[in-house]
Amino acid sequence: MAEQAKKTVKITLVRSAIGFDKSQKATVQGMGLRKIRQTVELLDTPETRGMIHKVRHLVEVVE
């Protein structure tokens, strides 16, 4: 069988996590985001989607 192409999403931090819950800051760091306007590319998995949903007010997502 042919190997399926892995889908990815680009996530950009647009707001600081300062002033929000500690778990939200940890989620942002867990995605590999350190600075505002930094972009990372992660695999599109249910786990990643859950992280995005938790901090959706802080990030911008491009599929």
N, C-alpha and C. Protein backbone atom coordinates (compact mmCIF):
# COMPACT_ATOMS: atom_id res chain seq x y z
N MET A 1 0.83 -1.19 0.00
CA MET A 1 0.00 0.00 0.00
C MET A 1 0.87 1.25 0.00
N ALA A 2 0.35 2.28 -0.64
CA ALA A 2 1.08 3.55 -0.69
C ALA A 2 0.96 4.26 0.65
N GLU A 3 2.04 4.88 1.02
CA GLU A 3 2.05 5.62 2.29
C GLU A 3 1.31 6.94 2.11
N GLN A 4 0.39 7.23 3.02
CA GLN A 4 -0.40 8.46 2.92
C GLN A 4 0.46 9.67 3.28
N ALA A 5 0.18 10.77 2.60
CA ALA A 5 0.91 12.01 2.91
C ALA A 5 0.45 12.53 4.26
N LYS A 6 1.40 12.94 5.07
CA LYS A 6 1.08 13.47 6.40
C LYS A 6 0.66 14.93 6.25
N LYS A 7 -0.53 15.25 6.75
CA LYS A 7 -1.00 16.62 6.69
C LYS A 7 -0.41 17.42 7.84
N THR A 8 -0.13 18.68 7.58
CA THR A 8 0.42 19.54 8.61
C THR A 8 -0.40 20.82 8.69
N VAL A 9 -0.26 21.51 9.82
CA VAL A 9 -0.88 22.82 10.01
C VAL A 9 0.21 23.78 10.46
N LYS A 10 0.10 25.02 10.01
CA LYS A 10 1.03 26.07 10.43
C LYS A 10 0.34 26.87 11.52
N ILE A 11 1.02 27.01 12.64
CA ILE A 11 0.46 27.70 13.80
C ILE A 11 1.36 28.89 14.12
N THR A 12 0.74 30.07 14.23
CA THR A 12 1.48 31.29 14.52
C THR A 12 0.96 31.89 15.82
N LEU A 13 1.86 32.24 16.71
CA LEU A 13 1.48 32.89 17.97
C LEU A 13 1.22 34.37 17.68
N VAL A 14 0.00 34.84 17.94
CA VAL A 14 -0.35 36.23 17.65
C VAL A 14 -0.57 37.06 18.92
N ARG A 15 -0.77 36.41 20.05
CA ARG A 15 -0.93 37.12 21.32
C ARG A 15 -0.07 36.44 22.37
N SER A 16 0.36 37.23 23.34
CA SER A 16 1.18 36.70 24.42
C SER A 16 0.31 35.87 25.37
N ALA A 17 0.92 34.87 25.98
CA ALA A 17 0.21 34.03 26.95
C ALA A 17 0.27 34.62 28.36
N ILE A 18 0.93 35.77 28.50
CA ILE A 18 1.02 36.43 29.81
C ILE A 18 -0.38 36.85 30.23
N GLY A 19 -0.72 36.56 31.46
CA GLY A 19 -2.03 36.95 31.98
C GLY A 19 -3.09 35.88 31.82
N PHE A 20 -2.75 34.80 31.14
CA PHE A 20 -3.68 33.70 30.97
C PHE A 20 -3.29 32.56 31.91
N ASP A 21 -4.12 31.55 31.95
CA ASP A 21 -3.90 30.39 32.81
C ASP A 21 -2.53 29.76 32.52
N LYS A 22 -1.89 29.24 33.56
CA LYS A 22 -0.58 28.60 33.41
C LYS A 22 -0.62 27.43 32.44
N SER A 23 -1.74 26.71 32.43
CA SER A 23 -1.83 25.56 31.53
C SER A 23 -1.86 26.02 30.06
N GLN A 24 -2.41 27.21 29.81
CA GLN A 24 -2.42 27.73 28.44
C GLN A 24 -1.01 28.13 28.01
N LYS A 25 -0.25 28.70 28.92
CA LYS A 25 1.14 29.05 28.62
C LYS A 25 1.95 27.78 28.35
N ALA A 26 1.70 26.74 29.14
CA ALA A 26 2.39 25.47 28.93
C ALA A 26 2.00 24.85 27.60
N THR A 27 0.77 25.01 27.19
CA THR A 27 0.31 24.47 25.91
C THR A 27 1.01 25.18 24.75
N VAL A 28 1.13 26.50 24.85
CA VAL A 28 1.82 27.27 23.82
C VAL A 28 3.28 26.82 23.73
N GLN A 29 3.93 26.65 24.87
CA GLN A 29 5.32 26.20 24.87
C GLN A 29 5.43 24.77 24.35
N GLY A 30 4.43 23.94 24.66
CA GLY A 30 4.44 22.56 24.20
C GLY A 30 4.33 22.44 22.69
N MET A 31 3.72 23.44 22.06
CA MET A 31 3.65 23.46 20.59
C MET A 31 4.93 23.98 19.97
N GLY A 32 5.85 24.47 20.80
CA GLY A 32 7.13 24.94 20.30
C GLY A 32 7.16 26.42 20.01
N LEU A 33 6.15 27.15 20.48
CA LEU A 33 6.08 28.59 20.23
C LEU A 33 6.73 29.34 21.39
N ARG A 34 7.64 30.25 21.08
CA ARG A 34 8.35 31.01 22.11
C ARG A 34 8.11 32.50 22.01
N LYS A 35 8.05 33.03 20.78
CA LYS A 35 7.93 34.47 20.58
C LYS A 35 6.69 34.78 19.74
N ILE A 36 6.17 35.99 19.90
CA ILE A 36 5.04 36.43 19.10
C ILE A 36 5.47 36.49 17.64
N ARG A 37 4.59 36.08 16.76
CA ARG A 37 4.79 35.98 15.31
C ARG A 37 5.70 34.82 14.91
N GLN A 38 6.05 33.96 15.84
CA GLN A 38 6.81 32.76 15.49
C GLN A 38 5.83 31.74 14.94
N THR A 39 6.23 31.03 13.90
CA THR A 39 5.39 30.03 13.26
C THR A 39 6.05 28.67 13.36
N VAL A 40 5.23 27.66 13.69
CA VAL A 40 5.70 26.28 13.68
C VAL A 40 4.77 25.46 12.81
N GLU A 41 5.29 24.36 12.30
CA GLU A 41 4.50 23.46 11.47
C GLU A 41 4.42 22.13 12.19
N LEU A 42 3.20 21.72 12.54
CA LEU A 42 2.98 20.49 13.28
C LEU A 42 2.08 19.55 12.49
N LEU A 43 2.19 18.26 12.78
CA LEU A 43 1.29 17.29 12.15
C LEU A 43 -0.14 17.54 12.58
N ASP A 44 -1.07 17.34 11.66
CA ASP A 44 -2.49 17.54 11.94
C ASP A 44 -3.05 16.27 12.58
N THR A 45 -2.95 16.21 13.92
CA THR A 45 -3.44 15.06 14.67
C THR A 45 -4.51 15.54 15.64
N PRO A 46 -5.30 14.63 16.19
CA PRO A 46 -6.29 15.03 17.19
C PRO A 46 -5.67 15.71 18.41
N GLU A 47 -4.46 15.29 18.78
CA GLU A 47 -3.78 15.90 19.92
C GLU A 47 -3.42 17.36 19.62
N THR A 48 -2.89 17.59 18.43
CA THR A 48 -2.53 18.95 18.03
C THR A 48 -3.78 19.82 17.95
N ARG A 49 -4.85 19.27 17.40
CA ARG A 49 -6.10 20.02 17.29
C ARG A 49 -6.64 20.40 18.67
N GLY A 50 -6.48 19.52 19.64
CA GLY A 50 -6.92 19.81 21.00
C GLY A 50 -6.11 20.94 21.61
N MET A 51 -4.80 20.95 21.34
CA MET A 51 -3.94 22.02 21.84
C MET A 51 -4.33 23.35 21.20
N ILE A 52 -4.60 23.32 19.90
CA ILE A 52 -5.00 24.54 19.19
C ILE A 52 -6.31 25.06 19.76
N HIS A 53 -7.25 24.15 20.02
CA HIS A 53 -8.55 24.55 20.54
C HIS A 53 -8.41 25.22 21.92
N LYS A 54 -7.49 24.73 22.71
CA LYS A 54 -7.31 25.27 24.07
C LYS A 54 -6.78 26.70 24.04
N VAL A 55 -5.95 27.03 23.07
CA VAL A 55 -5.36 28.37 22.99
C VAL A 55 -5.76 29.09 21.70
N ARG A 56 -6.95 28.84 21.22
CA ARG A 56 -7.39 29.39 19.94
C ARG A 56 -7.45 30.91 19.92
N HIS A 57 -7.53 31.53 21.09
CA HIS A 57 -7.55 33.00 21.18
C HIS A 57 -6.14 33.59 21.12
N LEU A 58 -5.12 32.77 21.16
CA LEU A 58 -3.74 33.24 21.15
C LEU A 58 -3.00 32.93 19.84
N VAL A 59 -3.55 32.02 19.05
CA VAL A 59 -2.85 31.56 17.85
C VAL A 59 -3.69 31.75 16.59
N GLU A 60 -2.99 31.67 15.46
CA GLU A 60 -3.62 31.72 14.16
C GLU A 60 -3.20 30.45 13.43
N VAL A 61 -4.15 29.79 12.77
CA VAL A 61 -3.87 28.50 12.15
C VAL A 61 -4.11 28.57 10.65
N VAL A 62 -3.15 28.03 9.89
CA VAL A 62 -3.28 27.91 8.44
C VAL A 62 -3.11 26.44 8.11
N GLU A 63 -4.10 25.89 7.42
CA GLU A 63 -4.04 24.46 7.08
C GLU A 63 -3.34 24.22 5.77
